[in-house]
Amino acid sequence: MSIMKAEWNKAIQRFVLNNLGQMDQDDVEAWLEGKLELAPMLEAPLRALSHHRDQMLRELHQITPMEIFDRFQKEHPELVFKDKDKTIVRIGRELEVLKSIVVTL
């Protein structure tokens, strides 16, 4: 993997993790119940990076929900996820929505 690809991977993961990390426990519960969606709120920042569309799309296709969940749990041990499978599926859905946004850039 080239250094640039590795940096893009880190950047996209950090973008997702930072936005997930803004949630408190109530937000996490609402998000898991489908009452809160993150990806649509991230559309404006993604549009600002539209000139990097291909790099973002490549990395979004390579990132796995489990990868994001594992790092998120390590960074935010204070948040409780009662159903890890549901959480991983929810992260996967958010990644899919992010991909659909990036495709339109």
PDB file of N, CA and C in Angstrom:
ATOM      1  N   MET A   1       0.853  -1.173   0.000  1.00  0.00           N
ATOM      2  CA  MET A   1       0.000   0.000   0.000  1.00  0.00           C
ATOM      3  C   MET A   1       0.899   1.236   0.000  1.00  0.00           C
ATOM      4  N   SER A   2       0.626   2.143  -0.888  1.00  0.00           N
ATOM      5  CA  SER A   2       1.449   3.347  -0.944  1.00  0.00           C
ATOM      6  C   SER A   2       1.170   4.228   0.274  1.00  0.00           C
ATOM      7  N   ILE A   3       2.079   5.129   0.521  1.00  0.00           N
ATOM      8  CA  ILE A   3       1.937   6.031   1.666  1.00  0.00           C
ATOM      9  C   ILE A   3       0.689   6.888   1.516  1.00  0.00           C
ATOM     10  N   MET A   4       0.415   7.366   0.301  1.00  0.00           N
ATOM     11  CA  MET A   4      -0.775   8.193   0.085  1.00  0.00           C
ATOM     12  C   MET A   4      -2.052   7.403   0.356  1.00  0.00           C
ATOM     13  N   LYS A   5      -2.105   6.153  -0.105  1.00  0.00           N
ATOM     14  CA  LYS A   5      -3.295   5.332   0.139  1.00  0.00           C
ATOM     15  C   LYS A   5      -3.478   5.101   1.631  1.00  0.00           C
ATOM     16  N   ALA A   6      -2.393   4.845   2.325  1.00  0.00           N
ATOM     17  CA  ALA A   6      -2.462   4.633   3.774  1.00  0.00           C
ATOM     18  C   ALA A   6      -2.964   5.892   4.477  1.00  0.00           C
ATOM     19  N   GLU A   7      -2.505   7.041   4.033  1.00  0.00           N
ATOM     20  CA  GLU A   7      -2.943   8.301   4.632  1.00  0.00           C
ATOM     21  C   GLU A   7      -4.420   8.556   4.364  1.00  0.00           C
ATOM     22  N   TRP A   8      -4.874   8.249   3.151  1.00  0.00           N
ATOM     23  CA  TRP A   8      -6.295   8.409   2.836  1.00  0.00           C
ATOM     24  C   TRP A   8      -7.133   7.469   3.692  1.00  0.00           C
ATOM     25  N   ASN A   9      -6.665   6.245   3.883  1.00  0.00           N
ATOM     26  CA  ASN A   9      -7.394   5.292   4.715  1.00  0.00           C
ATOM     27  C   ASN A   9      -7.533   5.839   6.131  1.00  0.00           C
ATOM     28  N   LYS A  10      -6.440   6.332   6.688  1.00  0.00           N
ATOM     29  CA  LYS A  10      -6.469   6.912   8.035  1.00  0.00           C
ATOM     30  C   LYS A  10      -7.410   8.112   8.091  1.00  0.00           C
ATOM     31  N   ALA A  11      -7.352   8.950   7.072  1.00  0.00           N
ATOM     32  CA  ALA A  11      -8.172  10.162   7.055  1.00  0.00           C
ATOM     33  C   ALA A  11      -9.662   9.837   7.016  1.00  0.00           C
ATOM     34  N   ILE A  12     -10.047   8.899   6.191  1.00  0.00           N
ATOM     35  CA  ILE A  12     -11.462   8.537   6.088  1.00  0.00           C
ATOM     36  C   ILE A  12     -11.927   7.871   7.383  1.00  0.00           C
ATOM     37  N   GLN A  13     -11.121   6.972   7.919  1.00  0.00           N
ATOM     38  CA  GLN A  13     -11.491   6.341   9.193  1.00  0.00           C
ATOM     39  C   GLN A  13     -11.617   7.388  10.293  1.00  0.00           C
ATOM     40  N   ARG A  14     -10.679   8.313  10.344  1.00  0.00           N
ATOM     41  CA  ARG A  14     -10.711   9.360  11.366  1.00  0.00           C
ATOM     42  C   ARG A  14     -11.954  10.224  11.199  1.00  0.00           C
ATOM     43  N   PHE A  15     -12.319  10.549   9.956  1.00  0.00           N
ATOM     44  CA  PHE A  15     -13.517  11.341   9.670  1.00  0.00           C
ATOM     45  C   PHE A  15     -14.747  10.646  10.249  1.00  0.00           C
ATOM     46  N   VAL A  16     -14.888   9.361   9.980  1.00  0.00           N
ATOM     47  CA  VAL A  16     -16.032   8.596  10.481  1.00  0.00           C
ATOM     48  C   VAL A  16     -15.978   8.499  12.005  1.00  0.00           C
ATOM     49  N   LEU A  17     -14.822   8.149  12.545  1.00  0.00           N
ATOM     50  CA  LEU A  17     -14.682   7.987  13.994  1.00  0.00           C
ATOM     51  C   LEU A  17     -14.917   9.294  14.748  1.00  0.00           C
ATOM     52  N   ASN A  18     -14.419  10.391  14.229  1.00  0.00           N
ATOM     53  CA  ASN A  18     -14.614  11.679  14.899  1.00  0.00           C
ATOM     54  C   ASN A  18     -16.085  12.049  14.968  1.00  0.00           C
ATOM     55  N   ASN A  19     -16.812  11.761  13.900  1.00  0.00           N
ATOM     56  CA  ASN A  19     -18.227  12.094  13.900  1.00  0.00           C
ATOM     57  C   ASN A  19     -19.029  11.155  14.790  1.00  0.00           C
ATOM     58  N   LEU A  20     -18.688   9.892  14.807  1.00  0.00           N
ATOM     59  CA  LEU A  20     -19.325   8.970  15.756  1.00  0.00           C
ATOM     60  C   LEU A  20     -18.992   9.371  17.187  1.00  0.00           C
ATOM     61  N   GLY A  21     -17.774   9.825  17.392  1.00  0.00           N
ATOM     62  CA  GLY A  21     -17.301  10.176  18.721  1.00  0.00           C
ATOM     63  C   GLY A  21     -17.976  11.378  19.341  1.00  0.00           C
ATOM     64  N   GLN A  22     -18.738  12.116  18.573  1.00  0.00           N
ATOM     65  CA  GLN A  22     -19.456  13.272  19.109  1.00  0.00           C
ATOM     66  C   GLN A  22     -20.747  12.864  19.820  1.00  0.00           C
ATOM     67  N   MET A  23     -21.101  11.576  19.730  1.00  0.00           N
ATOM     68  CA  MET A  23     -22.344  11.109  20.339  1.00  0.00           C
ATOM     69  C   MET A  23     -22.140  10.783  21.816  1.00  0.00           C
ATOM     70  N   ASP A  24     -23.174  11.071  22.607  1.00  0.00           N
ATOM     71  CA  ASP A  24     -23.185  10.602  23.986  1.00  0.00           C
ATOM     72  C   ASP A  24     -24.047   9.336  24.036  1.00  0.00           C
ATOM     73  N   GLN A  25     -24.255   8.767  25.202  1.00  0.00           N
ATOM     74  CA  GLN A  25     -24.984   7.500  25.302  1.00  0.00           C
ATOM     75  C   GLN A  25     -26.408   7.618  24.756  1.00  0.00           C
ATOM     76  N   ASP A  26     -27.088   8.737  25.025  1.00  0.00           N
ATOM     77  CA  ASP A  26     -28.448   8.923  24.500  1.00  0.00           C
ATOM     78  C   ASP A  26     -28.444   8.967  22.976  1.00  0.00           C
ATOM     79  N   ASP A  27     -27.457   9.647  22.411  1.00  0.00           N
ATOM     80  CA  ASP A  27     -27.336   9.695  20.952  1.00  0.00           C
ATOM     81  C   ASP A  27     -27.082   8.305  20.381  1.00  0.00           C
ATOM     82  N   VAL A  28     -26.244   7.527  21.057  1.00  0.00           N
ATOM     83  CA  VAL A  28     -25.946   6.165  20.602  1.00  0.00           C
ATOM     84  C   VAL A  28     -27.225   5.339  20.568  1.00  0.00           C
ATOM     85  N   GLU A  29     -28.026   5.436  21.638  1.00  0.00           N
ATOM     86  CA  GLU A  29     -29.284   4.678  21.690  1.00  0.00           C
ATOM     87  C   GLU A  29     -30.221   5.111  20.563  1.00  0.00           C
ATOM     88  N   ALA A  30     -30.346   6.417  20.355  1.00  0.00           N
ATOM     89  CA  ALA A  30     -31.209   6.921  19.279  1.00  0.00           C
ATOM     90  C   ALA A  30     -30.694   6.468  17.918  1.00  0.00           C
ATOM     91  N   TRP A  31     -29.397   6.493  17.738  1.00  0.00           N
ATOM     92  CA  TRP A  31     -28.780   6.069  16.480  1.00  0.00           C
ATOM     93  C   TRP A  31     -29.041   4.593  16.224  1.00  0.00           C
ATOM     94  N   LEU A  32     -28.879   3.766  17.249  1.00  0.00           N
ATOM     95  CA  LEU A  32     -29.110   2.327  17.098  1.00  0.00           C
ATOM     96  C   LEU A  32     -30.579   2.011  16.822  1.00  0.00           C
ATOM     97  N   GLU A  33     -31.482   2.859  17.318  1.00  0.00           N
ATOM     98  CA  GLU A  33     -32.913   2.670  17.077  1.00  0.00           C
ATOM     99  C   GLU A  33     -33.347   3.262  15.738  1.00  0.00           C
ATOM    100  N   GLY A  34     -32.421   3.887  15.014  1.00  0.00           N
ATOM    101  CA  GLY A  34     -32.748   4.467  13.718  1.00  0.00           C
ATOM    102  C   GLY A  34     -33.393   5.837  13.792  1.00  0.00           C
ATOM    103  N   LYS A  35     -33.367   6.457  14.963  1.00  0.00           N
ATOM    104  CA  LYS A  35     -33.958   7.783  15.140  1.00  0.00           C
ATOM    105  C   LYS A  35     -32.987   8.901  14.780  1.00  0.00           C
ATOM    106  N   LEU A  36     -31.733   8.536  14.604  1.00  0.00           N
ATOM    107  CA  LEU A  36     -30.678   9.497  14.287  1.00  0.00           C
ATOM    108  C   LEU A  36     -29.785   8.886  13.216  1.00  0.00           C
ATOM    109  N   GLU A  37     -29.511   9.663  12.183  1.00  0.00           N
ATOM    110  CA  GLU A  37     -28.613   9.192  11.127  1.00  0.00           C
ATOM    111  C   GLU A  37     -27.468  10.176  10.993  1.00  0.00           C
ATOM    112  N   LEU A  38     -26.276   9.647  10.913  1.00  0.00           N
ATOM    113  CA  LEU A  38     -25.088  10.498  10.841  1.00  0.00           C
ATOM    114  C   LEU A  38     -24.720  10.907   9.425  1.00  0.00           C
ATOM    115  N   ALA A  39     -24.780   9.976   8.511  1.00  0.00           N
ATOM    116  CA  ALA A  39     -24.276  10.222   7.155  1.00  0.00           C
ATOM    117  C   ALA A  39     -24.857  11.480   6.501  1.00  0.00           C
ATOM    118  N   PRO A  40     -26.174  11.713   6.560  1.00  0.00           N
ATOM    119  CA  PRO A  40     -26.691  12.933   5.926  1.00  0.00           C
ATOM    120  C   PRO A  40     -26.099  14.215   6.508  1.00  0.00           C
ATOM    121  N   MET A  41     -25.746  14.189   7.789  1.00  0.00           N
ATOM    122  CA  MET A  41     -25.142  15.373   8.408  1.00  0.00           C
ATOM    123  C   MET A  41     -23.717  15.600   7.921  1.00  0.00           C
ATOM    124  N   LEU A  42     -23.122  14.575   7.346  1.00  0.00           N
ATOM    125  CA  LEU A  42     -21.734  14.667   6.886  1.00  0.00           C
ATOM    126  C   LEU A  42     -21.626  15.048   5.412  1.00  0.00           C
ATOM    127  N   GLU A  43     -22.770  15.235   4.771  1.00  0.00           N
ATOM    128  CA  GLU A  43     -22.755  15.526   3.337  1.00  0.00           C
ATOM    129  C   GLU A  43     -22.007  16.816   3.008  1.00  0.00           C
ATOM    130  N   ALA A  44     -22.233  17.875   3.765  1.00  0.00           N
ATOM    131  CA  ALA A  44     -21.567  19.157   3.471  1.00  0.00           C
ATOM    132  C   ALA A  44     -20.040  19.042   3.542  1.00  0.00           C
ATOM    133  N   PRO A  45     -19.481  18.444   4.605  1.00  0.00           N
ATOM    134  CA  PRO A  45     -18.017  18.295   4.617  1.00  0.00           C
ATOM    135  C   PRO A  45     -17.503  17.429   3.471  1.00  0.00           C
ATOM    136  N   LEU A  46     -18.264  16.406   3.114  1.00  0.00           N
ATOM    137  CA  LEU A  46     -17.844  15.557   1.994  1.00  0.00           C
ATOM    138  C   LEU A  46     -17.854  16.344   0.687  1.00  0.00           C
ATOM    139  N   ARG A  47     -18.873  17.170   0.514  1.00  0.00           N
ATOM    140  CA  ARG A  47     -18.953  17.987  -0.714  1.00  0.00           C
ATOM    141  C   ARG A  47     -17.772  18.952  -0.805  1.00  0.00           C
ATOM    142  N   ALA A  48     -17.332  19.444   0.340  1.00  0.00           N
ATOM    143  CA  ALA A  48     -16.180  20.357   0.359  1.00  0.00           C
ATOM    144  C   ALA A  48     -14.910  19.656  -0.119  1.00  0.00           C
ATOM    145  N   LEU A  49     -14.892  18.337  -0.028  1.00  0.00           N
ATOM    146  CA  LEU A  49     -13.733  17.550  -0.465  1.00  0.00           C
ATOM    147  C   LEU A  49     -13.990  16.843  -1.789  1.00  0.00           C
ATOM    148  N   SER A  50     -14.939  17.336  -2.544  1.00  0.00           N
ATOM    149  CA  SER A  50     -15.354  16.643  -3.773  1.00  0.00           C
ATOM    150  C   SER A  50     -14.217  16.424  -4.766  1.00  0.00           C
ATOM    151  N   HIS A  51     -13.205  17.267  -4.732  1.00  0.00           N
ATOM    152  CA  HIS A  51     -12.078  17.085  -5.655  1.00  0.00           C
ATOM    153  C   HIS A  51     -11.255  15.838  -5.303  1.00  0.00           C
ATOM    154  N   HIS A  52     -11.536  15.229  -4.145  1.00  0.00           N
ATOM    155  CA  HIS A  52     -10.875  13.979  -3.732  1.00  0.00           C
ATOM    156  C   HIS A  52     -11.838  12.797  -3.800  1.00  0.00           C
ATOM    157  N   ARG A  53     -12.868  12.934  -4.609  1.00  0.00           N
ATOM    158  CA  ARG A  53     -13.940  11.940  -4.700  1.00  0.00           C
ATOM    159  C   ARG A  53     -13.419  10.517  -4.864  1.00  0.00           C
ATOM    160  N   ASP A  54     -12.559  10.294  -5.834  1.00  0.00           N
ATOM    161  CA  ASP A  54     -12.095   8.939  -6.128  1.00  0.00           C
ATOM    162  C   ASP A  54     -11.335   8.320  -4.957  1.00  0.00           C
ATOM    163  N   GLN A  55     -10.499   9.101  -4.314  1.00  0.00           N
ATOM    164  CA  GLN A  55      -9.753   8.590  -3.164  1.00  0.00           C
ATOM    165  C   GLN A  55     -10.699   8.243  -2.013  1.00  0.00           C
ATOM    166  N   MET A  56     -11.674   9.127  -1.762  1.00  0.00           N
ATOM    167  CA  MET A  56     -12.629   8.868  -0.688  1.00  0.00           C
ATOM    168  C   MET A  56     -13.435   7.610  -0.973  1.00  0.00           C
ATOM    169  N   LEU A  57     -13.892   7.479  -2.189  1.00  0.00           N
ATOM    170  CA  LEU A  57     -14.697   6.321  -2.564  1.00  0.00           C
ATOM    171  C   LEU A  57     -13.900   5.029  -2.433  1.00  0.00           C
ATOM    172  N   ARG A  58     -12.664   5.059  -2.880  1.00  0.00           N
ATOM    173  CA  ARG A  58     -11.809   3.877  -2.767  1.00  0.00           C
ATOM    174  C   ARG A  58     -11.688   3.443  -1.307  1.00  0.00           C
ATOM    175  N   GLU A  59     -11.426   4.390  -0.434  1.00  0.00           N
ATOM    176  CA  GLU A  59     -11.248   4.047   0.979  1.00  0.00           C
ATOM    177  C   GLU A  59     -12.548   3.617   1.637  1.00  0.00           C
ATOM    178  N   LEU A  60     -13.653   4.246   1.273  1.00  0.00           N
ATOM    179  CA  LEU A  60     -14.936   3.831   1.842  1.00  0.00           C
ATOM    180  C   LEU A  60     -15.275   2.392   1.460  1.00  0.00           C
ATOM    181  N   HIS A  61     -14.843   1.966   0.295  1.00  0.00           N
ATOM    182  CA  HIS A  61     -15.092   0.583  -0.123  1.00  0.00           C
ATOM    183  C   HIS A  61     -14.192  -0.399   0.616  1.00  0.00           C
ATOM    184  N   GLN A  62     -13.081   0.064   1.138  1.00  0.00           N
ATOM    185  CA  GLN A  62     -12.136  -0.835   1.801  1.00  0.00           C
ATOM    186  C   GLN A  62     -12.322  -0.912   3.316  1.00  0.00           C
ATOM    187  N   ILE A  63     -12.951   0.084   3.890  1.00  0.00           N
ATOM    188  CA  ILE A  63     -13.155   0.112   5.336  1.00  0.00           C
ATOM    189  C   ILE A  63     -14.292  -0.836   5.700  1.00  0.00           C
ATOM    190  N   THR A  64     -14.083  -1.616   6.751  1.00  0.00           N
ATOM    191  CA  THR A  64     -15.142  -2.522   7.193  1.00  0.00           C
ATOM    192  C   THR A  64     -15.831  -1.961   8.438  1.00  0.00           C
ATOM    193  N   PRO A  65     -17.114  -2.255   8.590  1.00  0.00           N
ATOM    194  CA  PRO A  65     -17.824  -1.803   9.789  1.00  0.00           C
ATOM    195  C   PRO A  65     -17.172  -2.314  11.081  1.00  0.00           C
ATOM    196  N   MET A  66     -16.671  -3.546  11.060  1.00  0.00           N
ATOM    197  CA  MET A  66     -16.031  -4.121  12.243  1.00  0.00           C
ATOM    198  C   MET A  66     -14.775  -3.332  12.623  1.00  0.00           C
ATOM    199  N   GLU A  67     -14.034  -2.910  11.614  1.00  0.00           N
ATOM    200  CA  GLU A  67     -12.830  -2.099  11.824  1.00  0.00           C
ATOM    201  C   GLU A  67     -13.187  -0.800  12.559  1.00  0.00           C
ATOM    202  N   ILE A  68     -14.224  -0.132  12.078  1.00  0.00           N
ATOM    203  CA  ILE A  68     -14.672   1.124  12.685  1.00  0.00           C
ATOM    204  C   ILE A  68     -15.158   0.865  14.112  1.00  0.00           C
ATOM    205  N   PHE A  69     -15.961  -0.175  14.283  1.00  0.00           N
ATOM    206  CA  PHE A  69     -16.501  -0.481  15.609  1.00  0.00           C
ATOM    207  C   PHE A  69     -15.389  -0.773  16.615  1.00  0.00           C
ATOM    208  N   ASP A  70     -14.432  -1.577  16.233  1.00  0.00           N
ATOM    209  CA  ASP A  70     -13.325  -1.916  17.136  1.00  0.00           C
ATOM    210  C   ASP A  70     -12.565  -0.673  17.587  1.00  0.00           C
ATOM    211  N   ARG A  71     -12.241   0.184  16.636  1.00  0.00           N
ATOM    212  CA  ARG A  71     -11.502   1.413  16.983  1.00  0.00           C
ATOM    213  C   ARG A  71     -12.364   2.348  17.822  1.00  0.00           C
ATOM    214  N   PHE A  72     -13.651   2.424  17.469  1.00  0.00           N
ATOM    215  CA  PHE A  72     -14.567   3.301  18.199  1.00  0.00           C
ATOM    216  C   PHE A  72     -14.691   2.851  19.655  1.00  0.00           C
ATOM    217  N   GLN A  73     -14.810   1.556  19.880  1.00  0.00           N
ATOM    218  CA  GLN A  73     -14.899   1.041  21.246  1.00  0.00           C
ATOM    219  C   GLN A  73     -13.635   1.336  22.045  1.00  0.00           C
ATOM    220  N   LYS A  74     -12.488   1.221  21.401  1.00  0.00           N
ATOM    221  CA  LYS A  74     -11.224   1.510  22.087  1.00  0.00           C
ATOM    222  C   LYS A  74     -11.113   2.983  22.461  1.00  0.00           C
ATOM    223  N   GLU A  75     -11.598   3.847  21.570  1.00  0.00           N
ATOM    224  CA  GLU A  75     -11.495   5.283  21.800  1.00  0.00           C
ATOM    225  C   GLU A  75     -12.575   5.813  22.736  1.00  0.00           C
ATOM    226  N   HIS A  76     -13.701   5.088  22.833  1.00  0.00           N
ATOM    227  CA  HIS A  76     -14.830   5.554  23.650  1.00  0.00           C
ATOM    228  C   HIS A  76     -15.370   4.430  24.528  1.00  0.00           C
ATOM    229  N   PRO A  77     -14.547   3.979  25.475  1.00  0.00           N
ATOM    230  CA  PRO A  77     -14.992   2.875  26.337  1.00  0.00           C
ATOM    231  C   PRO A  77     -16.167   3.254  27.243  1.00  0.00           C
ATOM    232  N   GLU A  78     -16.431   4.544  27.366  1.00  0.00           N
ATOM    233  CA  GLU A  78     -17.535   5.000  28.208  1.00  0.00           C
ATOM    234  C   GLU A  78     -18.901   4.714  27.584  1.00  0.00           C
ATOM    235  N   LEU A  79     -18.951   4.493  26.273  1.00  0.00           N
ATOM    236  CA  LEU A  79     -20.218   4.220  25.599  1.00  0.00           C
ATOM    237  C   LEU A  79     -20.509   2.727  25.618  1.00  0.00           C
ATOM    238  N   VAL A  80     -21.757   2.398  25.900  1.00  0.00           N
ATOM    239  CA  VAL A  80     -22.172   1.001  26.005  1.00  0.00           C
ATOM    240  C   VAL A  80     -22.975   0.617  24.767  1.00  0.00           C
ATOM    241  N   PHE A  81     -22.589  -0.499  24.167  1.00  0.00           N
ATOM    242  CA  PHE A  81     -23.301  -1.046  23.015  1.00  0.00           C
ATOM    243  C   PHE A  81     -23.843  -2.404  23.433  1.00  0.00           C
ATOM    244  N   LYS A  82     -25.142  -2.449  23.723  1.00  0.00           N
ATOM    245  CA  LYS A  82     -25.750  -3.687  24.224  1.00  0.00           C
ATOM    246  C   LYS A  82     -25.739  -4.795  23.179  1.00  0.00           C
ATOM    247  N   ASP A  83     -25.933  -4.419  21.931  1.00  0.00           N
ATOM    248  CA  ASP A  83     -25.986  -5.407  20.846  1.00  0.00           C
ATOM    249  C   ASP A  83     -24.908  -5.048  19.824  1.00  0.00           C
ATOM    250  N   LYS A  84     -23.780  -5.712  19.919  1.00  0.00           N
ATOM    251  CA  LYS A  84     -22.646  -5.388  19.048  1.00  0.00           C
ATOM    252  C   LYS A  84     -22.951  -5.678  17.586  1.00  0.00           C
ATOM    253  N   ASP A  85     -23.675  -6.762  17.321  1.00  0.00           N
ATOM    254  CA  ASP A  85     -24.018  -7.085  15.931  1.00  0.00           C
ATOM    255  C   ASP A  85     -24.863  -5.980  15.306  1.00  0.00           C
ATOM    256  N   LYS A  86     -25.849  -5.497  16.060  1.00  0.00           N
ATOM    257  CA  LYS A  86     -26.708  -4.416  15.567  1.00  0.00           C
ATOM    258  C   LYS A  86     -25.878  -3.157  15.306  1.00  0.00           C
ATOM    259  N   THR A  87     -24.926  -2.895  16.182  1.00  0.00           N
ATOM    260  CA  THR A  87     -24.064  -1.722  16.032  1.00  0.00           C
ATOM    261  C   THR A  87     -23.213  -1.832  14.768  1.00  0.00           C
ATOM    262  N   ILE A  88     -22.655  -2.999  14.531  1.00  0.00           N
ATOM    263  CA  ILE A  88     -21.820  -3.201  13.345  1.00  0.00           C
ATOM    264  C   ILE A  88     -22.649  -3.058  12.074  1.00  0.00           C
ATOM    265  N   VAL A  89     -23.870  -3.590  12.087  1.00  0.00           N
ATOM    266  CA  VAL A  89     -24.761  -3.441  10.930  1.00  0.00           C
ATOM    267  C   VAL A  89     -25.089  -1.966  10.716  1.00  0.00           C
ATOM    268  N   ARG A  90     -25.339  -1.249  11.803  1.00  0.00           N
ATOM    269  CA  ARG A  90     -25.673   0.186  11.706  1.00  0.00           C
ATOM    270  C   ARG A  90     -24.492   0.979  11.130  1.00  0.00           C
ATOM    271  N   ILE A  91     -23.293   0.655  11.566  1.00  0.00           N
ATOM    272  CA  ILE A  91     -22.107   1.314  11.014  1.00  0.00           C
ATOM    273  C   ILE A  91     -22.003   1.002   9.526  1.00  0.00           C
ATOM    274  N   GLY A  92     -22.270  -0.231   9.155  1.00  0.00           N
ATOM    275  CA  GLY A  92     -22.251  -0.615   7.738  1.00  0.00           C
ATOM    276  C   GLY A  92     -23.233   0.196   6.918  1.00  0.00           C
ATOM    277  N   ARG A  93     -24.421   0.413   7.464  1.00  0.00           N
ATOM    278  CA  ARG A  93     -25.426   1.233   6.757  1.00  0.00           C
ATOM    279  C   ARG A  93     -24.938   2.662   6.581  1.00  0.00           C
ATOM    280  N   GLU A  94     -24.329   3.204   7.629  1.00  0.00           N
ATOM    281  CA  GLU A  94     -23.799   4.571   7.529  1.00  0.00           C
ATOM    282  C   GLU A  94     -22.708   4.647   6.461  1.00  0.00           C
ATOM    283  N   LEU A  95     -21.844   3.652   6.420  1.00  0.00           N
ATOM    284  CA  LEU A  95     -20.792   3.635   5.397  1.00  0.00           C
ATOM    285  C   LEU A  95     -21.396   3.559   4.000  1.00  0.00           C
ATOM    286  N   GLU A  96     -22.471   2.783   3.838  1.00  0.00           N
ATOM    287  CA  GLU A  96     -23.137   2.684   2.534  1.00  0.00           C
ATOM    288  C   GLU A  96     -23.735   4.028   2.122  1.00  0.00           C
ATOM    289  N   VAL A  97     -24.347   4.726   3.070  1.00  0.00           N
ATOM    290  CA  VAL A  97     -24.913   6.045   2.763  1.00  0.00           C
ATOM    291  C   VAL A  97     -23.791   7.022   2.411  1.00  0.00           C
ATOM    292  N   LEU A  98     -22.690   6.961   3.143  1.00  0.00           N
ATOM    293  CA  LEU A  98     -21.548   7.825   2.814  1.00  0.00           C
ATOM    294  C   LEU A  98     -21.053   7.547   1.398  1.00  0.00           C
ATOM    295  N   LYS A  99     -20.979   6.276   1.032  1.00  0.00           N
ATOM    296  CA  LYS A  99     -20.562   5.924  -0.340  1.00  0.00           C
ATOM    297  C   LYS A  99     -21.524   6.517  -1.352  1.00  0.00           C
ATOM    298  N   SER A 100     -22.824   6.413  -1.088  1.00  0.00           N
ATOM    299  CA  SER A 100     -23.805   6.937  -2.047  1.00  0.00           C
ATOM    300  C   SER A 100     -23.696   8.450  -2.177  1.00  0.00           C
ATOM    301  N   ILE A 101     -23.333   9.126  -1.108  1.00  0.00           N
ATOM    302  CA  ILE A 101     -23.124  10.578  -1.170  1.00  0.00           C
ATOM    303  C   ILE A 101     -21.885  10.882  -2.009  1.00  0.00           C
ATOM    304  N   VAL A 102     -20.808  10.180  -1.734  1.00  0.00           N
ATOM    305  CA  VAL A 102     -19.541  10.432  -2.437  1.00  0.00           C
ATOM    306  C   VAL A 102     -19.674  10.123  -3.929  1.00  0.00           C
ATOM    307  N   VAL A 103     -20.431   9.109  -4.289  1.00  0.00           N
ATOM    308  CA  VAL A 103     -20.619   8.759  -5.707  1.00  0.00           C
ATOM    309  C   VAL A 103     -21.215   9.934  -6.474  1.00  0.00           C
ATOM    310  N   THR A 104     -22.076  10.713  -5.828  1.00  0.00           N
ATOM    311  CA  THR A 104     -22.744  11.823  -6.515  1.00  0.00           C
ATOM    312  C   THR A 104     -21.896  13.089  -6.614  1.00  0.00           C
ATOM    313  N   LEU A 105     -20.735  13.100  -5.994  1.00  0.00           N
ATOM    314  CA  LEU A 105     -19.892  14.311  -6.007  1.00  0.00           C
ATOM    315  C   LEU A 105     -19.310  14.584  -7.382  1.00  0.00           C
TER     316      LEU A 105
END
